[in-house]
Structures are given as structure tokens and as C-alpha cells.
Amino acid sequence: MELQTARAIIDTLAQGIHPVTGEAMPADSPYLAPPVIRALFTVSHALEGGTATPRRRDRTDLPANTGKPWTAEDDEALRAGFGAGTPTKDLAAALGRTRWAVESRLVKLGEMTLGGSAAAMPRSH
């Protein structure tokens, strides 16, 4: 796994989001404990090459639908957009999600696979 991919997973966990499903972690998740969140942000910052204490990411910096459950309509729009060749960053913006959440959801829906150097690859038909 490449460091960039590992850092994206760590950042997603630090935000309290399941890195595969893109959904909010349950309230009793150990990932929501303040010391765990601080540790994840510290590791993420170290992977970035920083040495200072990382800035806490304000929840207002996140897309509007971050942590919200995916609806059938969201899934339909995601499949249609992906099938039409819309870049995942544009799909993320349109759906109010992070790019990581969109790619993770595409994997869960069977529309995308992770392969090679953990880069997202469209599913072959």
C-alpha cells in the first residue's frame, strides 16, 4: 500500500468515518475517542512530512453529507455519474461527500475495484 493511500485511510478514520463504507462510525466506536483521534491526526501529519502539531480539522471543512447514510437515490446518482465517466472528485462535490467516501461506496456497490498500487480502477465487465 502506498503512503498516500494509507494516509487517506487514516484521515478518514480521524474524521470518524468508516473508510470503506463512507458512513459515520457508531457512537461507541473507539475511533471516536479523543486520544485516538489525536493519534490518527498526528500520524497523518507525520506521513505528510510535518513536525508541528497538526491543525484540527473543523467539521465545517467537510462536505455537507459527510457521515450521513447513503440513500438509494445517492447510490443511483453515483452509479449513473460513474457510468457516464464523471470523475470521482466531481461526483464527490455533487453528492456532498469526500472523494474517498465516493470511491469506497463505488467499491461497495461493485462498480469499482482496488487493484495494483491501491489505485481505484473501474470494474471490468
N, C-alpha and C. Protein backbone atom coordinates (compact mmCIF):
# COMPACT_ATOMS: atom_id res chain seq x y z
N MET A 1 0.84 -1.17 0.00
CA MET A 1 0.00 0.00 0.00
C MET A 1 0.89 1.24 0.00
N GLU A 2 0.53 2.21 -0.80
CA GLU A 2 1.28 3.44 -0.87
C GLU A 2 0.96 4.33 0.33
N LEU A 3 1.92 5.18 0.72
CA LEU A 3 1.71 6.06 1.86
C LEU A 3 0.53 7.00 1.66
N GLN A 4 0.32 7.46 0.44
CA GLN A 4 -0.80 8.37 0.17
C GLN A 4 -2.13 7.68 0.47
N THR A 5 -2.25 6.43 0.09
CA THR A 5 -3.47 5.67 0.34
C THR A 5 -3.64 5.42 1.84
N ALA A 6 -2.55 5.05 2.50
CA ALA A 6 -2.61 4.81 3.95
C ALA A 6 -3.00 6.09 4.67
N ARG A 7 -2.46 7.21 4.24
CA ARG A 7 -2.79 8.49 4.88
C ARG A 7 -4.26 8.84 4.66
N ALA A 8 -4.79 8.56 3.48
CA ALA A 8 -6.21 8.84 3.22
C ALA A 8 -7.09 8.01 4.15
N ILE A 9 -6.71 6.76 4.39
CA ILE A 9 -7.47 5.91 5.30
C ILE A 9 -7.41 6.46 6.72
N ILE A 10 -6.23 6.84 7.15
CA ILE A 10 -6.05 7.39 8.49
C ILE A 10 -6.84 8.69 8.65
N ASP A 11 -6.80 9.55 7.65
CA ASP A 11 -7.55 10.81 7.71
C ASP A 11 -9.05 10.54 7.81
N THR A 12 -9.53 9.57 7.07
CA THR A 12 -10.95 9.24 7.10
C THR A 12 -11.34 8.72 8.49
N LEU A 13 -10.53 7.83 9.05
CA LEU A 13 -10.79 7.33 10.39
C LEU A 13 -10.78 8.46 11.41
N ALA A 14 -9.84 9.38 11.28
CA ALA A 14 -9.73 10.50 12.21
C ALA A 14 -10.95 11.41 12.16
N GLN A 15 -11.65 11.40 11.05
CA GLN A 15 -12.87 12.20 10.91
C GLN A 15 -14.10 11.45 11.43
N GLY A 16 -13.88 10.22 11.92
CA GLY A 16 -14.99 9.44 12.44
C GLY A 16 -15.81 8.77 11.36
N ILE A 17 -15.19 8.55 10.21
CA ILE A 17 -15.88 7.97 9.06
C ILE A 17 -15.28 6.62 8.74
N HIS A 18 -16.13 5.65 8.47
CA HIS A 18 -15.66 4.32 8.09
C HIS A 18 -14.99 4.44 6.72
N PRO A 19 -13.73 4.05 6.58
CA PRO A 19 -13.02 4.26 5.33
C PRO A 19 -13.49 3.42 4.15
N VAL A 20 -14.27 2.39 4.38
CA VAL A 20 -14.76 1.55 3.29
C VAL A 20 -16.18 1.95 2.88
N THR A 21 -17.05 2.18 3.87
CA THR A 21 -18.44 2.48 3.56
C THR A 21 -18.72 3.97 3.41
N GLY A 22 -17.85 4.81 4.00
CA GLY A 22 -18.08 6.25 3.96
C GLY A 22 -19.13 6.71 4.95
N GLU A 23 -19.57 5.83 5.82
CA GLU A 23 -20.60 6.17 6.79
C GLU A 23 -19.96 6.53 8.13
N ALA A 24 -20.70 7.30 8.93
CA ALA A 24 -20.21 7.71 10.25
C ALA A 24 -20.02 6.48 11.13
N MET A 25 -18.96 6.54 11.92
CA MET A 25 -18.71 5.46 12.87
C MET A 25 -19.80 5.48 13.95
N PRO A 26 -20.16 4.33 14.50
CA PRO A 26 -21.15 4.32 15.59
C PRO A 26 -20.60 5.06 16.81
N ALA A 27 -21.49 5.58 17.62
CA ALA A 27 -21.10 6.40 18.77
C ALA A 27 -20.15 5.67 19.72
N ASP A 28 -20.21 4.35 19.79
CA ASP A 28 -19.35 3.61 20.70
C ASP A 28 -18.03 3.17 20.05
N SER A 29 -17.75 3.65 18.86
CA SER A 29 -16.52 3.27 18.17
C SER A 29 -15.29 3.82 18.89
N PRO A 30 -14.26 3.00 19.03
CA PRO A 30 -13.03 3.51 19.65
C PRO A 30 -12.38 4.61 18.81
N TYR A 31 -12.71 4.69 17.52
CA TYR A 31 -12.13 5.72 16.68
C TYR A 31 -12.65 7.11 17.02
N LEU A 32 -13.72 7.20 17.81
CA LEU A 32 -14.27 8.49 18.19
C LEU A 32 -13.74 8.99 19.52
N ALA A 33 -12.91 8.19 20.17
CA ALA A 33 -12.31 8.60 21.44
C ALA A 33 -11.27 9.69 21.16
N PRO A 34 -11.32 10.81 21.90
CA PRO A 34 -10.40 11.92 21.63
C PRO A 34 -8.92 11.54 21.54
N PRO A 35 -8.39 10.66 22.42
CA PRO A 35 -6.97 10.32 22.28
C PRO A 35 -6.67 9.58 20.97
N VAL A 36 -7.62 8.77 20.51
CA VAL A 36 -7.43 8.02 19.25
C VAL A 36 -7.45 9.00 18.08
N ILE A 37 -8.40 9.93 18.10
CA ILE A 37 -8.48 10.93 17.02
C ILE A 37 -7.19 11.75 16.96
N ARG A 38 -6.69 12.18 18.12
CA ARG A 38 -5.43 12.95 18.14
C ARG A 38 -4.27 12.11 17.61
N ALA A 39 -4.23 10.83 17.97
CA ALA A 39 -3.16 9.96 17.49
C ALA A 39 -3.23 9.80 15.98
N LEU A 40 -4.44 9.62 15.44
CA LEU A 40 -4.59 9.47 13.99
C LEU A 40 -4.16 10.75 13.25
N PHE A 41 -4.55 11.92 13.76
CA PHE A 41 -4.14 13.16 13.12
C PHE A 41 -2.62 13.35 13.21
N THR A 42 -2.03 12.95 14.33
CA THR A 42 -0.58 13.07 14.49
C THR A 42 0.15 12.18 13.48
N VAL A 43 -0.33 10.95 13.32
CA VAL A 43 0.29 10.04 12.35
C VAL A 43 0.09 10.56 10.93
N SER A 44 -1.08 11.06 10.62
CA SER A 44 -1.34 11.61 9.30
C SER A 44 -0.39 12.77 9.00
N HIS A 45 -0.25 13.63 9.99
CA HIS A 45 0.64 14.79 9.80
C HIS A 45 2.09 14.34 9.61
N ALA A 46 2.50 13.31 10.35
CA ALA A 46 3.86 12.79 10.21
C ALA A 46 4.06 12.20 8.81
N LEU A 47 3.05 11.53 8.28
CA LEU A 47 3.15 10.97 6.93
C LEU A 47 3.26 12.07 5.88
N GLU A 48 2.70 13.23 6.21
CA GLU A 48 2.77 14.37 5.30
C GLU A 48 4.17 15.00 5.34
N GLY A 49 4.92 14.67 6.36
CA GLY A 49 6.27 15.22 6.49
C GLY A 49 6.34 16.38 7.46
N GLY A 50 5.24 16.66 8.15
CA GLY A 50 5.23 17.77 9.10
C GLY A 50 5.78 17.36 10.44
N THR A 51 6.19 18.36 11.21
CA THR A 51 6.71 18.07 12.54
C THR A 51 5.92 18.79 13.62
N ALA A 52 5.20 19.84 13.26
CA ALA A 52 4.42 20.58 14.24
C ALA A 52 3.13 19.84 14.54
N THR A 53 2.47 20.24 15.60
CA THR A 53 1.19 19.65 15.94
C THR A 53 0.20 19.95 14.82
N PRO A 54 -0.49 18.94 14.33
CA PRO A 54 -1.41 19.17 13.21
C PRO A 54 -2.61 20.01 13.64
N ARG A 55 -3.13 20.76 12.71
CA ARG A 55 -4.32 21.57 12.93
C ARG A 55 -5.52 20.64 12.97
N ARG A 56 -6.39 20.85 13.91
CA ARG A 56 -7.61 20.04 13.95
C ARG A 56 -8.49 20.44 12.79
N ARG A 57 -9.05 19.46 12.13
CA ARG A 57 -9.94 19.74 11.02
C ARG A 57 -11.33 20.01 11.57
N ASP A 58 -11.82 21.16 11.30
CA ASP A 58 -13.15 21.56 11.74
C ASP A 58 -14.19 20.82 10.92
N ARG A 59 -15.23 20.34 11.55
CA ARG A 59 -16.28 19.61 10.83
C ARG A 59 -16.91 20.48 9.74
N THR A 60 -16.80 21.80 9.86
CA THR A 60 -17.37 22.67 8.83
C THR A 60 -16.53 22.63 7.56
N ASP A 61 -15.32 22.09 7.63
CA ASP A 61 -14.47 21.95 6.44
C ASP A 61 -14.91 20.77 5.57
N LEU A 62 -15.75 19.91 6.12
CA LEU A 62 -16.14 18.69 5.43
C LEU A 62 -17.35 18.93 4.53
N PRO A 63 -17.50 18.11 3.49
CA PRO A 63 -18.69 18.23 2.64
C PRO A 63 -19.97 18.03 3.46
N ALA A 64 -21.07 18.58 2.96
CA ALA A 64 -22.34 18.61 3.70
C ALA A 64 -22.86 17.24 4.10
N ASN A 65 -22.67 16.22 3.29
CA ASN A 65 -23.23 14.90 3.58
C ASN A 65 -22.25 13.94 4.24
N THR A 66 -21.10 14.45 4.67
CA THR A 66 -20.12 13.59 5.33
C THR A 66 -20.73 12.94 6.55
N GLY A 67 -20.60 11.63 6.62
CA GLY A 67 -21.09 10.89 7.77
C GLY A 67 -22.55 10.51 7.70
N LYS A 68 -23.28 11.04 6.74
CA LYS A 68 -24.70 10.69 6.61
C LYS A 68 -24.83 9.37 5.86
N PRO A 69 -25.86 8.61 6.16
CA PRO A 69 -26.08 7.35 5.44
C PRO A 69 -26.32 7.60 3.96
N TRP A 70 -25.90 6.66 3.15
CA TRP A 70 -26.15 6.72 1.71
C TRP A 70 -27.59 6.29 1.46
N THR A 71 -28.30 7.04 0.63
CA THR A 71 -29.67 6.68 0.26
C THR A 71 -29.66 5.93 -1.07
N ALA A 72 -30.78 5.32 -1.39
CA ALA A 72 -30.90 4.65 -2.68
C ALA A 72 -30.74 5.66 -3.82
N GLU A 73 -31.23 6.88 -3.61
CA GLU A 73 -31.09 7.92 -4.63
C GLU A 73 -29.63 8.33 -4.81
N ASP A 74 -28.89 8.41 -3.69
CA ASP A 74 -27.45 8.71 -3.76
C ASP A 74 -26.74 7.63 -4.58
N ASP A 75 -27.04 6.37 -4.26
CA ASP A 75 -26.41 5.26 -4.96
C ASP A 75 -26.73 5.30 -6.45
N GLU A 76 -27.98 5.60 -6.78
CA GLU A 76 -28.39 5.67 -8.19
C GLU A 76 -27.64 6.80 -8.91
N ALA A 77 -27.56 7.96 -8.28
CA ALA A 77 -26.85 9.09 -8.88
C ALA A 77 -25.36 8.77 -9.03
N LEU A 78 -24.80 8.11 -8.03
CA LEU A 78 -23.39 7.74 -8.07
C LEU A 78 -23.11 6.76 -9.21
N ARG A 79 -23.94 5.74 -9.33
CA ARG A 79 -23.77 4.76 -10.41
C ARG A 79 -23.92 5.42 -11.78
N ALA A 80 -24.93 6.26 -11.92
CA ALA A 80 -25.16 6.92 -13.21
C ALA A 80 -23.99 7.83 -13.58
N GLY A 81 -23.54 8.62 -12.64
CA GLY A 81 -22.42 9.52 -12.90
C GLY A 81 -21.14 8.78 -13.21
N PHE A 82 -20.87 7.73 -12.44
CA PHE A 82 -19.66 6.94 -12.66
C PHE A 82 -19.73 6.24 -14.01
N GLY A 83 -20.91 5.70 -14.32
CA GLY A 83 -21.10 5.02 -15.60
C GLY A 83 -20.94 5.96 -16.78
N ALA A 84 -21.25 7.24 -16.57
CA ALA A 84 -21.11 8.24 -17.63
C ALA A 84 -19.69 8.78 -17.73
N GLY A 85 -18.81 8.32 -16.83
CA GLY A 85 -17.41 8.74 -16.90
C GLY A 85 -17.09 10.01 -16.12
N THR A 86 -17.99 10.43 -15.24
CA THR A 86 -17.74 11.62 -14.42
C THR A 86 -16.62 11.31 -13.44
N PRO A 87 -15.61 12.18 -13.33
CA PRO A 87 -14.52 11.95 -12.37
C PRO A 87 -15.05 11.86 -10.93
N THR A 88 -14.41 11.03 -10.12
CA THR A 88 -14.89 10.83 -8.75
C THR A 88 -14.85 12.13 -7.95
N LYS A 89 -13.91 13.02 -8.22
CA LYS A 89 -13.87 14.28 -7.47
C LYS A 89 -15.11 15.12 -7.78
N ASP A 90 -15.59 15.06 -9.02
CA ASP A 90 -16.80 15.79 -9.39
C ASP A 90 -18.04 15.12 -8.79
N LEU A 91 -18.05 13.79 -8.76
CA LEU A 91 -19.16 13.08 -8.12
C LEU A 91 -19.21 13.41 -6.64
N ALA A 92 -18.05 13.47 -6.00
CA ALA A 92 -17.98 13.81 -4.57
C ALA A 92 -18.58 15.19 -4.33
N ALA A 93 -18.20 16.15 -5.15
CA ALA A 93 -18.72 17.51 -4.99
C ALA A 93 -20.23 17.54 -5.18
N ALA A 94 -20.72 16.84 -6.20
CA ALA A 94 -22.15 16.84 -6.49
C ALA A 94 -22.96 16.16 -5.39
N LEU A 95 -22.38 15.14 -4.76
CA LEU A 95 -23.10 14.40 -3.73
C LEU A 95 -22.82 14.90 -2.31
N GLY A 96 -21.96 15.91 -2.19
CA GLY A 96 -21.64 16.43 -0.87
C GLY A 96 -20.88 15.44 -0.01
N ARG A 97 -19.97 14.68 -0.64
CA ARG A 97 -19.19 13.64 0.04
C ARG A 97 -17.71 13.87 -0.22
N THR A 98 -16.88 13.18 0.52
CA THR A 98 -15.46 13.21 0.23
C THR A 98 -15.18 12.29 -0.96
N ARG A 99 -14.08 12.53 -1.63
CA ARG A 99 -13.71 11.66 -2.75
C ARG A 99 -13.49 10.23 -2.24
N TRP A 100 -12.88 10.12 -1.08
CA TRP A 100 -12.64 8.79 -0.50
C TRP A 100 -13.96 8.07 -0.25
N ALA A 101 -14.98 8.79 0.25
CA ALA A 101 -16.28 8.18 0.51
C ALA A 101 -16.92 7.70 -0.79
N VAL A 102 -16.79 8.51 -1.85
CA VAL A 102 -17.37 8.13 -3.14
C VAL A 102 -16.68 6.89 -3.69
N GLU A 103 -15.35 6.86 -3.64
CA GLU A 103 -14.63 5.70 -4.15
C GLU A 103 -14.92 4.47 -3.32
N SER A 104 -15.01 4.63 -2.02
CA SER A 104 -15.32 3.50 -1.15
C SER A 104 -16.72 2.96 -1.43
N ARG A 105 -17.65 3.88 -1.68
CA ARG A 105 -19.02 3.46 -1.97
C ARG A 105 -19.08 2.73 -3.31
N LEU A 106 -18.33 3.21 -4.29
CA LEU A 106 -18.28 2.55 -5.60
C LEU A 106 -17.74 1.13 -5.46
N VAL A 107 -16.75 0.95 -4.59
CA VAL A 107 -16.22 -0.40 -4.34
C VAL A 107 -17.31 -1.26 -3.70
N LYS A 108 -17.99 -0.72 -2.70
CA LYS A 108 -19.04 -1.47 -2.01
C LYS A 108 -20.16 -1.85 -2.97
N LEU A 109 -20.47 -0.97 -3.91
CA LEU A 109 -21.53 -1.24 -4.89
C LEU A 109 -21.07 -2.15 -6.02
N GLY A 110 -19.78 -2.49 -6.04
CA GLY A 110 -19.25 -3.37 -7.07
C GLY A 110 -18.98 -2.66 -8.39
N GLU A 111 -18.95 -1.35 -8.37
CA GLU A 111 -18.71 -0.57 -9.58
C GLU A 111 -17.23 -0.28 -9.81
N MET A 112 -16.43 -0.42 -8.77
CA MET A 112 -15.01 -0.11 -8.84
C MET A 112 -14.27 -1.13 -7.99
N THR A 113 -13.06 -1.45 -8.38
CA THR A 113 -12.23 -2.34 -7.58
C THR A 113 -10.95 -1.61 -7.24
N LEU A 114 -10.30 -2.07 -6.19
CA LEU A 114 -8.99 -1.55 -5.83
C LEU A 114 -7.98 -2.56 -6.33
N GLY A 115 -7.00 -2.10 -7.07
CA GLY A 115 -6.03 -3.03 -7.61
C GLY A 115 -4.68 -2.38 -7.79
N GLY A 116 -3.70 -3.19 -8.08
CA GLY A 116 -2.36 -2.67 -8.33
C GLY A 116 -1.82 -1.97 -7.12
N SER A 117 -1.51 -0.69 -7.26
CA SER A 117 -0.92 0.07 -6.16
C SER A 117 -2.01 0.76 -5.33
N ALA A 118 -3.13 0.10 -5.17
CA ALA A 118 -4.27 0.59 -4.40
C ALA A 118 -4.94 1.76 -5.09
N ALA A 119 -4.69 1.95 -6.35
CA ALA A 119 -5.38 3.00 -7.09
C ALA A 119 -6.75 2.46 -7.49
N ALA A 120 -7.70 3.35 -7.55
CA ALA A 120 -9.04 2.93 -7.94
C ALA A 120 -9.07 2.59 -9.41
N MET A 121 -9.68 1.47 -9.71
CA MET A 121 -9.78 1.01 -11.08
C MET A 121 -11.24 0.70 -11.39
N PRO A 122 -11.77 1.13 -12.53
CA PRO A 122 -13.13 0.74 -12.88
C PRO A 122 -13.22 -0.78 -12.99
N ARG A 123 -14.38 -1.29 -12.60
CA ARG A 123 -14.61 -2.73 -12.68
C ARG A 123 -14.69 -3.12 -14.15
N SER A 124 -14.05 -4.21 -14.52
CA SER A 124 -14.13 -4.67 -15.90
C SER A 124 -15.39 -5.49 -16.07
N HIS A 125 -16.05 -5.35 -17.23
CA HIS A 125 -17.32 -6.04 -17.48
C HIS A 125 -17.10 -7.25 -18.33
